[in-house]
Protein backbone atom coordinates (compact mmCIF):
# COMPACT_ATOMS: atom_id res chain seq x y z
CA MET A 1 108.45 99.39 136.88
CA SER A 2 108.65 96.46 139.02
CA SER A 3 108.20 94.05 135.84
CA ILE A 4 111.79 94.59 134.95
CA ARG A 5 114.46 92.95 136.70
CA THR A 6 117.76 91.67 136.18
CA ASN A 7 118.25 87.93 135.20
CA GLN A 8 114.72 87.84 133.60
CA ARG A 9 114.57 86.23 130.35
CA VAL A 10 112.76 88.26 127.34
CA THR A 11 112.47 88.01 123.56
CA ILE A 12 113.91 90.56 121.40
CA GLU A 13 112.29 91.47 118.10
CA ARG A 14 114.28 93.49 115.63
CA LEU A 15 111.76 95.70 114.14
CA ASP A 16 113.78 97.33 111.27
CA LEU A 17 114.33 94.04 109.44
CA ASP A 18 111.62 92.66 106.94
CA PRO A 19 110.22 90.23 108.05
CA PRO A 20 111.36 91.21 111.79
CA GLU A 21 113.76 88.57 113.52
CA ARG A 22 112.99 87.46 117.23
CA TYR A 23 115.64 86.09 119.66
CA LEU A 24 115.91 85.20 123.36
CA SER A 25 117.75 87.17 125.56
CA ARG A 26 118.12 88.08 129.20
CA ILE A 27 118.15 91.46 131.37
CA GLU A 28 121.68 91.71 132.45
CA GLY A 29 121.16 95.34 134.48
CA VAL A 30 118.69 97.90 135.11
CA ASP A 31 119.01 101.66 135.97
CA SER A 32 116.82 104.64 136.02
CA GLU A 33 117.46 105.49 132.31
CA GLN A 34 118.77 102.25 130.56
CA ILE A 35 118.50 98.48 130.40
CA VAL A 36 121.21 96.14 129.67
CA LEU A 37 120.15 93.11 127.44
CA ALA A 38 122.51 90.32 126.82
CA CYS A 39 123.35 90.24 122.98
CA PRO A 40 121.41 87.40 121.19
CA VAL A 41 123.30 84.49 119.67
CA ARG A 42 122.67 82.87 116.53
CA GLN A 43 124.79 79.58 115.59
CA GLY A 44 127.29 80.44 118.44
CA ALA A 45 127.95 83.84 117.15
CA PRO A 46 126.49 87.11 118.50
CA VAL A 47 123.74 88.80 116.22
CA PRO A 48 125.11 92.11 114.88
CA VAL A 49 122.43 94.35 116.32
CA HIS A 50 123.48 97.87 115.74
CA ILE A 51 123.22 101.07 117.47
CA GLY A 52 120.08 103.06 116.54
CA GLU A 53 117.83 100.03 115.91
CA ASN A 54 114.56 99.86 116.84
CA LEU A 55 113.42 96.71 119.00
CA ARG A 56 110.49 95.22 120.73
CA VAL A 57 111.20 93.63 123.88
CA THR A 58 108.77 91.14 125.57
CA LEU A 59 109.17 90.07 129.36
CA PHE A 60 107.30 87.11 130.49
CA HIS A 61 106.47 86.28 134.09
CA ALA A 62 103.90 84.54 136.18
CA GLY A 63 101.04 86.81 135.68
CA GLY A 64 101.42 86.86 131.94
CA ALA A 65 103.30 89.39 129.67
CA HIS A 66 104.32 92.93 129.08
CA ALA A 67 106.21 94.44 126.12
CA PHE A 68 107.94 97.80 125.05
CA GLN A 69 109.55 99.25 122.17
CA THR A 70 113.16 100.77 122.73
CA VAL A 71 116.16 101.92 120.76
CA VAL A 72 119.78 100.65 120.83
CA VAL A 73 121.87 103.36 122.25
CA ASP A 74 125.11 101.44 122.86
CA ARG A 75 126.96 98.14 122.71
CA ALA A 76 129.63 96.57 125.01
CA ALA A 77 131.88 93.76 123.88
CA GLY A 78 133.62 91.36 126.01
CA GLN A 79 132.99 87.59 127.02
CA VAL A 80 129.64 88.21 126.80
CA ASN A 81 128.19 91.10 124.45
CA PHE A 82 125.63 93.59 125.70
CA LEU A 83 123.21 95.94 124.39
CA HIS A 84 122.02 99.03 126.22
CA VAL A 85 118.60 100.09 125.26
CA GLU A 86 116.36 103.21 126.45
CA ARG A 87 114.24 102.29 129.43
CA PRO A 88 110.61 102.70 128.68
CA GLN A 89 108.21 105.09 130.56
CA ARG A 90 105.38 102.43 130.36
CA LEU A 91 104.85 98.68 129.62
CA GLU A 92 102.15 97.32 127.33
CA ALA A 93 100.30 94.81 129.10
CA LEU A 94 99.71 91.85 126.69
CA GLN A 95 96.45 89.61 126.74
CA ARG A 96 98.05 86.19 126.18
CA ARG A 97 96.01 85.59 122.99
CA GLN A 98 97.84 88.66 121.50
CA PHE A 99 101.22 87.40 121.49
CA PHE A 100 100.53 83.62 121.08
CA ARG A 101 100.66 82.20 117.42
CA GLU A 102 102.42 78.98 118.67
CA PRO A 103 103.96 76.74 115.71
CA THR A 104 102.82 73.30 117.16
CA LEU A 105 101.32 70.43 115.47
CA LEU A 106 98.05 69.32 116.64
CA LYS A 107 95.98 66.60 114.97
CA THR A 108 93.05 68.67 113.45
CA ILE A 109 89.90 67.62 111.50
CA CYS A 110 87.89 70.20 109.06
CA SER A 111 84.69 69.43 107.98
CA THR A 112 81.68 71.11 106.45
CA ALA A 113 79.24 70.20 109.27
CA ALA A 114 79.32 69.30 112.85
CA ASP A 115 78.49 65.74 111.99
CA GLY A 116 81.87 65.36 110.30
CA GLU A 117 80.36 65.29 106.53
CA GLN A 118 83.24 66.09 104.02
CA ARG A 119 85.79 65.78 106.54
CA VAL A 120 89.37 66.61 105.98
CA GLU A 121 92.36 65.59 108.28
CA GLY A 122 95.50 67.35 108.90
CA VAL A 123 97.50 69.21 111.52
CA THR A 124 97.82 72.76 112.71
CA ARG A 125 100.84 74.80 111.52
CA ASN A 126 100.33 77.53 114.19
CA ILE A 127 97.64 78.42 116.54
CA GLY A 128 96.53 81.20 118.89
CA GLY A 129 93.25 82.27 120.38
CA GLY A 130 91.94 83.93 117.33
CA GLY A 131 92.60 81.20 114.78
CA LEU A 132 94.84 78.95 113.30
CA CYS A 133 96.56 77.76 110.11
CA PHE A 134 95.67 74.09 108.87
CA ARG A 135 97.92 71.88 106.81
CA THR A 136 96.72 68.74 104.99
CA LYS A 137 98.06 66.36 102.40
CA ASP A 138 94.57 65.44 101.43
CA LEU A 139 94.23 67.61 98.72
CA LYS A 140 91.26 65.81 97.06
CA GLY A 141 89.34 65.61 100.14
CA LEU A 142 90.08 69.27 100.69
CA ARG A 143 88.63 70.08 97.15
CA LEU A 144 85.69 68.02 97.76
CA MET A 145 85.14 69.92 100.91
CA LEU A 146 85.19 73.17 99.42
CA GLN A 147 82.86 72.13 96.47
CA ALA A 148 80.23 70.87 99.15
CA ARG A 149 80.70 74.12 100.94
CA VAL A 150 78.29 76.98 100.35
CA PRO A 151 80.22 80.30 99.65
CA GLU A 152 80.69 82.34 102.95
CA GLN A 153 79.76 79.16 104.90
CA PRO A 154 81.79 78.44 107.99
CA VAL A 155 83.76 75.38 108.75
CA TRP A 156 83.82 73.13 111.80
CA VAL A 157 87.34 72.60 113.35
CA GLU A 158 88.14 69.62 115.97
CA ILE A 159 91.53 70.20 117.51
CA GLU A 160 93.08 67.34 119.38
CA LEU A 161 94.31 69.00 122.74
CA PRO A 162 96.10 66.65 125.56
CA ASP A 163 93.01 66.79 127.75
CA HIS A 164 90.14 66.58 125.13
CA PRO A 165 89.37 68.05 121.76
CA LEU A 166 88.49 71.54 121.04
CA CYS A 167 85.58 71.93 118.67
CA ALA A 168 84.90 75.41 117.03
CA VAL A 169 83.34 77.01 114.07
CA ALA A 170 85.82 78.83 111.81
CA ASP A 171 85.88 81.42 108.97
CA MET A 172 88.38 80.83 106.02
CA ALA A 173 90.90 83.59 105.63
CA TRP A 174 92.81 82.00 102.67
CA LEU A 175 94.08 79.01 101.01
CA GLN A 176 97.26 78.07 99.33
CA GLU A 177 98.46 74.82 97.92
CA SER A 178 102.41 74.09 97.63
CA GLU A 179 103.93 74.27 94.14
CA ASP A 180 104.65 70.72 94.08
CA GLY A 181 101.02 69.78 95.18
CA ARG A 182 102.15 67.70 98.15
CA TYR A 183 99.94 69.75 100.79
CA ALA A 184 97.69 72.80 101.14
CA ASP A 185 97.76 75.41 103.92
CA LEU A 186 94.13 76.88 105.08
CA ALA A 187 94.22 79.86 107.66
CA MET A 188 90.93 80.11 109.42
CA GLY A 189 89.79 82.42 112.35
CA PHE A 190 87.47 81.19 115.08
CA LEU A 191 83.98 82.61 115.09
CA ASP A 192 82.10 81.28 118.20
CA LEU A 193 84.78 79.81 120.33
CA ALA A 194 83.48 79.52 123.89
CA GLU A 195 85.45 82.08 126.09
CA GLN A 196 86.36 79.11 128.40
CA GLU A 197 87.51 76.69 125.60
CA ARG A 198 89.49 79.98 124.45
CA GLU A 199 91.00 80.01 127.60
CA ARG A 200 91.91 76.45 127.97
CA LEU A 201 93.82 76.81 124.48
CA ILE A 202 95.55 79.81 125.53
CA ARG A 203 96.41 78.21 128.59
CA TYR A 204 97.99 75.23 126.88
CA LEU A 205 99.83 77.30 124.38
CA PHE A 206 101.20 79.47 127.22
CA VAL A 207 102.77 76.47 128.64
CA LEU A 208 104.44 75.63 125.46
CA GLN A 209 105.81 78.97 125.10
CA ARG A 210 107.22 79.02 128.85
CA ASP A 211 108.93 75.57 128.44
CA ALA A 212 110.34 76.52 125.31
CA LEU A 213 112.00 79.83 127.07
CA ARG A 214 112.96 77.71 129.97
CA LYS A 215 115.05 75.43 127.41
CA GLY A 216 116.55 78.55 125.97
CA PHE A 217 114.97 78.51 122.57
CA ILE A 218 112.16 80.00 120.68
CA ARG A 219 110.40 77.79 118.15
């Protein structure tokens, strides 16, 4: 498995927690049976990952990403704490759209028609190759848009990317208003996003994730 190497940055997901927690880590050593990971740190203190815990480890590299599930078999304490995990027999190749659901703020317009009729402005809470979560403070405009929308009718979305806007038709999954009535979240899945546009979006999100890893944090 040439994709696993020392000093490689990875993310660790603690699968036994509900919901799972995710941390940045690094591969400190590799042999035929085990992988040694730097114990993740939270607020300056080591995260108490226990022997027997199930983890999902994701490796990032120039060609994309791979992941594997493993179990903690030992811990080692010192100036840096280490986790010893079982080395997997195989890696799962991830399509970039599978692991990107990036929490990022992008100006977005939703409307009931491509000409912008009954439009509502807001931002993305998160977005990936398959869809987005849209947040707006214009609850009045959102209600008017939904009233004008024929049941089961998709909505048009225009997302402001750095190079030029991305336009797509999307299906509504769920809607939730905040308890204080200040905003609403609308989850949507893309229906007809052109493949070249999807790849453009994924490339942009991949850059955001890579930059976050280089800076040593995960958003």
